[in-house]
Structure formats: C-alpha cells, structure tokens
C-alpha cells in the first residue's frame, strides 16, 4: 500500500461505521449523475449531427460547412464543457 492508501484506510477506520455506507452511497449517486449527464451530452451531440445531416449542401455552405466536416464542429462544442 502507498502512503496515501494507508492514510485513506486509517481515515476510514476512524469514521463511525454508519458514515461509511453514506459515503459509498454519495459516491454512487455522483457516479450515476455523471453517467446521466454524459448520456445527455452525447444525445445532444447526436441530435445536432442529425440536424446538420438533414440540411442540404447549400444550407451547410451558408454556414461555412461541408458535409464531410459535420462531426468536427459538433465535437468542438464538447470542448466548451
């Protein structure tokens, strides 16, 4: 075990036994919330791609895009998060 692992193990043993399940529940809740958020972001990106793919080449050109460039701007949107 590393020093950090030893410190974490000591810290867990110092906690009352009823706090450990609550901490685990909070971690699980955060993990679920993160998974839901990532799924929503992926859905938003997919919907944006579908909307762009439904446009004509002329409409895309007005936006300064070509059909083969559609994934690029959608992926770049993710960099803002």
N, C-alpha and C. Protein backbone atom coordinates (compact mmCIF):
# COMPACT_ATOMS: atom_id res chain seq x y z
N UNK A 1 0.83 -1.18 0.00
CA UNK A 1 0.00 0.00 0.00
C UNK A 1 0.88 1.24 0.00
N UNK A 2 0.40 2.27 -0.68
CA UNK A 2 1.13 3.53 -0.67
C UNK A 2 0.78 4.31 0.58
N UNK A 3 1.50 5.36 0.82
CA UNK A 3 1.23 6.19 2.00
C UNK A 3 -0.17 6.76 1.93
N UNK A 4 -0.59 7.19 0.74
CA UNK A 4 -1.93 7.74 0.59
C UNK A 4 -2.99 6.67 0.87
N UNK A 5 -2.73 5.45 0.43
CA UNK A 5 -3.67 4.36 0.68
C UNK A 5 -3.75 4.06 2.16
N UNK A 6 -2.61 4.06 2.83
CA UNK A 6 -2.60 3.84 4.28
C UNK A 6 -3.38 4.95 4.99
N UNK A 7 -3.17 6.18 4.56
CA UNK A 7 -3.87 7.30 5.18
C UNK A 7 -5.37 7.17 4.97
N UNK A 8 -5.78 6.78 3.77
CA UNK A 8 -7.21 6.61 3.49
C UNK A 8 -7.78 5.48 4.33
N UNK A 9 -7.04 4.39 4.46
CA UNK A 9 -7.51 3.26 5.25
C UNK A 9 -7.64 3.66 6.72
N UNK A 10 -6.65 4.40 7.23
CA UNK A 10 -6.74 4.88 8.62
C UNK A 10 -7.94 5.79 8.79
N UNK A 11 -8.16 6.67 7.80
CA UNK A 11 -9.28 7.61 7.88
C UNK A 11 -10.61 6.86 7.92
N UNK A 12 -10.75 5.82 7.10
CA UNK A 12 -11.99 5.05 7.10
C UNK A 12 -12.20 4.35 8.43
N UNK A 13 -11.13 3.87 9.05
CA UNK A 13 -11.27 3.19 10.33
C UNK A 13 -11.61 4.16 11.45
N UNK A 14 -11.24 5.42 11.28
CA UNK A 14 -11.54 6.44 12.29
C UNK A 14 -13.01 6.87 12.24
N UNK A 15 -13.69 6.60 11.12
CA UNK A 15 -15.07 7.03 10.96
C UNK A 15 -16.02 6.06 11.67
N UNK A 16 -17.11 6.60 12.24
CA UNK A 16 -18.14 5.71 12.78
C UNK A 16 -18.67 4.81 11.66
N UNK A 17 -19.07 3.62 11.99
CA UNK A 17 -19.47 2.64 10.97
C UNK A 17 -20.68 3.09 10.16
N UNK A 18 -21.54 3.93 10.69
CA UNK A 18 -22.72 4.37 9.93
C UNK A 18 -22.37 5.40 8.87
N UNK A 19 -21.21 6.04 8.94
CA UNK A 19 -20.83 7.04 7.95
C UNK A 19 -20.29 6.40 6.68
N UNK A 20 -19.64 5.27 6.78
CA UNK A 20 -19.05 4.63 5.60
C UNK A 20 -20.10 4.28 4.54
N UNK A 21 -21.24 3.67 4.90
CA UNK A 21 -22.24 3.40 3.85
C UNK A 21 -22.79 4.69 3.23
N UNK A 22 -22.90 5.76 4.02
CA UNK A 22 -23.39 7.02 3.46
C UNK A 22 -22.40 7.59 2.45
N UNK A 23 -21.12 7.49 2.75
CA UNK A 23 -20.11 7.97 1.80
C UNK A 23 -20.15 7.16 0.52
N UNK A 24 -20.31 5.86 0.65
CA UNK A 24 -20.40 4.99 -0.53
C UNK A 24 -21.64 5.34 -1.34
N UNK A 25 -22.73 5.63 -0.66
CA UNK A 25 -23.97 5.99 -1.35
C UNK A 25 -23.80 7.32 -2.08
N UNK A 26 -23.12 8.28 -1.46
CA UNK A 26 -22.87 9.56 -2.13
C UNK A 26 -22.01 9.36 -3.37
N UNK A 27 -20.96 8.52 -3.25
CA UNK A 27 -20.10 8.26 -4.42
C UNK A 27 -20.90 7.60 -5.54
N UNK A 28 -21.76 6.66 -5.18
CA UNK A 28 -22.58 6.00 -6.20
C UNK A 28 -23.53 7.00 -6.84
N UNK A 29 -24.11 7.88 -6.03
CA UNK A 29 -25.01 8.90 -6.56
C UNK A 29 -24.30 9.83 -7.53
N UNK A 30 -23.08 10.24 -7.19
CA UNK A 30 -22.30 11.10 -8.09
C UNK A 30 -21.98 10.37 -9.38
N UNK A 31 -21.65 9.09 -9.28
CA UNK A 31 -21.33 8.30 -10.48
C UNK A 31 -22.55 8.21 -11.40
N UNK A 32 -23.71 7.98 -10.81
CA UNK A 32 -24.95 7.91 -11.61
C UNK A 32 -25.24 9.26 -12.25
N UNK A 33 -25.11 10.33 -11.48
CA UNK A 33 -25.36 11.67 -12.01
C UNK A 33 -24.41 11.99 -13.16
N UNK A 34 -23.14 11.63 -13.02
CA UNK A 34 -22.16 11.86 -14.09
C UNK A 34 -22.52 11.06 -15.34
N UNK A 35 -22.94 9.82 -15.15
CA UNK A 35 -23.32 8.98 -16.30
C UNK A 35 -24.53 9.56 -17.02
N UNK A 36 -25.50 10.04 -16.27
CA UNK A 36 -26.70 10.65 -16.87
C UNK A 36 -26.31 11.90 -17.65
N UNK A 37 -25.45 12.73 -17.05
CA UNK A 37 -25.02 13.96 -17.72
C UNK A 37 -24.28 13.64 -19.02
N UNK A 38 -23.39 12.65 -18.99
CA UNK A 38 -22.65 12.28 -20.19
C UNK A 38 -23.59 11.74 -21.26
N UNK A 39 -24.60 10.97 -20.85
CA UNK A 39 -25.57 10.44 -21.81
C UNK A 39 -26.36 11.58 -22.45
N UNK A 40 -26.74 12.58 -21.65
CA UNK A 40 -27.48 13.72 -22.19
C UNK A 40 -26.61 14.52 -23.17
N UNK A 41 -25.35 14.70 -22.83
CA UNK A 41 -24.45 15.42 -23.73
C UNK A 41 -24.29 14.66 -25.04
N UNK A 42 -24.13 13.35 -24.96
CA UNK A 42 -23.98 12.53 -26.17
C UNK A 42 -25.24 12.60 -27.02
N UNK A 43 -26.39 12.58 -26.37
CA UNK A 43 -27.66 12.68 -27.11
C UNK A 43 -27.76 14.02 -27.81
N UNK A 44 -27.36 15.09 -27.13
CA UNK A 44 -27.38 16.42 -27.73
C UNK A 44 -26.47 16.50 -28.95
N UNK A 45 -25.27 15.92 -28.84
CA UNK A 45 -24.34 15.92 -29.99
C UNK A 45 -24.93 15.12 -31.14
N UNK A 46 -25.54 13.96 -30.83
CA UNK A 46 -26.13 13.14 -31.89
C UNK A 46 -27.26 13.88 -32.58
N UNK A 47 -28.09 14.58 -31.79
CA UNK A 47 -29.20 15.34 -32.37
C UNK A 47 -28.68 16.47 -33.26
N UNK A 48 -27.60 17.11 -32.84
CA UNK A 48 -27.01 18.19 -33.65
C UNK A 48 -26.47 17.62 -34.96
N UNK A 49 -25.81 16.47 -34.91
CA UNK A 49 -25.32 15.83 -36.14
C UNK A 49 -26.48 15.49 -37.05
N UNK A 50 -27.54 14.92 -36.50
CA UNK A 50 -28.70 14.55 -37.32
C UNK A 50 -29.33 15.78 -37.97
N UNK A 51 -29.41 16.88 -37.22
CA UNK A 51 -29.98 18.11 -37.78
C UNK A 51 -29.11 18.64 -38.92
N UNK A 52 -27.80 18.61 -38.73
CA UNK A 52 -26.90 19.07 -39.79
C UNK A 52 -26.96 18.15 -41.00
N UNK A 53 -27.02 16.84 -40.76
CA UNK A 53 -27.09 15.89 -41.88
C UNK A 53 -28.39 16.04 -42.67
N UNK A 54 -29.44 16.52 -42.03
CA UNK A 54 -30.72 16.70 -42.72
C UNK A 54 -30.72 17.95 -43.61
N UNK A 55 -29.75 18.83 -43.43
CA UNK A 55 -29.68 20.06 -44.23
C UNK A 55 -29.13 19.76 -45.62
N UNK A 56 -29.50 20.63 -46.53
CA UNK A 56 -28.97 20.49 -47.89
C UNK A 56 -27.53 20.99 -47.91
N UNK A 57 -26.81 20.65 -48.99
CA UNK A 57 -25.44 21.11 -49.13
C UNK A 57 -25.39 22.64 -49.21
N UNK A 58 -26.41 23.24 -49.83
CA UNK A 58 -26.47 24.71 -49.92
C UNK A 58 -26.63 25.33 -48.53
N UNK A 59 -27.48 24.74 -47.70
CA UNK A 59 -27.66 25.25 -46.34
C UNK A 59 -26.37 25.12 -45.54
N UNK A 60 -25.72 23.98 -45.68
CA UNK A 60 -24.44 23.79 -44.99
C UNK A 60 -23.41 24.81 -45.47
N UNK A 61 -23.39 25.07 -46.78
CA UNK A 61 -22.43 26.03 -47.33
C UNK A 61 -22.68 27.42 -46.76
N UNK A 62 -23.94 27.78 -46.53
CA UNK A 62 -24.25 29.09 -45.93
C UNK A 62 -23.68 29.19 -44.51
N UNK A 63 -23.54 28.05 -43.87
CA UNK A 63 -22.97 28.02 -42.52
C UNK A 63 -21.45 27.85 -42.56
N UNK A 64 -20.90 27.74 -43.76
CA UNK A 64 -19.46 27.57 -43.91
C UNK A 64 -19.02 26.14 -43.67
N UNK A 65 -19.92 25.18 -43.88
CA UNK A 65 -19.61 23.77 -43.65
C UNK A 65 -19.78 22.96 -44.93
N UNK A 66 -19.03 21.88 -44.98
CA UNK A 66 -19.26 20.84 -45.99
C UNK A 66 -19.73 19.61 -45.22
N UNK A 67 -20.41 18.74 -45.91
CA UNK A 67 -20.97 17.54 -45.28
C UNK A 67 -19.89 16.71 -44.57
N UNK A 68 -18.69 16.65 -45.15
CA UNK A 68 -17.63 15.85 -44.54
C UNK A 68 -17.03 16.52 -43.30
N UNK A 69 -17.44 17.73 -43.00
CA UNK A 69 -16.94 18.45 -41.82
C UNK A 69 -17.92 18.44 -40.66
N UNK A 70 -19.04 17.80 -40.80
CA UNK A 70 -20.10 17.90 -39.79
C UNK A 70 -19.65 17.43 -38.42
N UNK A 71 -18.96 16.34 -38.30
CA UNK A 71 -18.55 15.85 -36.98
C UNK A 71 -17.61 16.79 -36.26
N UNK A 72 -16.77 17.52 -36.98
CA UNK A 72 -15.80 18.41 -36.37
C UNK A 72 -16.42 19.48 -35.47
N UNK A 73 -17.34 20.31 -35.99
CA UNK A 73 -17.93 21.34 -35.14
C UNK A 73 -18.70 20.77 -33.95
N UNK A 74 -19.32 19.64 -34.12
CA UNK A 74 -20.07 19.04 -33.02
C UNK A 74 -19.12 18.59 -31.93
N UNK A 75 -18.00 17.98 -32.30
CA UNK A 75 -17.01 17.56 -31.30
C UNK A 75 -16.38 18.76 -30.62
N UNK A 76 -16.15 19.85 -31.39
CA UNK A 76 -15.55 21.04 -30.80
C UNK A 76 -16.48 21.66 -29.77
N UNK A 77 -17.79 21.54 -29.94
CA UNK A 77 -18.75 22.04 -28.95
C UNK A 77 -18.48 21.42 -27.60
N UNK A 78 -18.08 20.18 -27.59
CA UNK A 78 -17.85 19.46 -26.33
C UNK A 78 -16.67 20.05 -25.56
N UNK A 79 -15.72 20.65 -26.26
CA UNK A 79 -14.55 21.22 -25.62
C UNK A 79 -14.92 22.38 -24.70
N UNK A 80 -16.08 22.97 -24.89
CA UNK A 80 -16.51 24.10 -24.07
C UNK A 80 -16.99 23.66 -22.70
N UNK A 81 -17.26 22.37 -22.52
CA UNK A 81 -17.83 21.89 -21.24
C UNK A 81 -16.75 21.67 -20.23
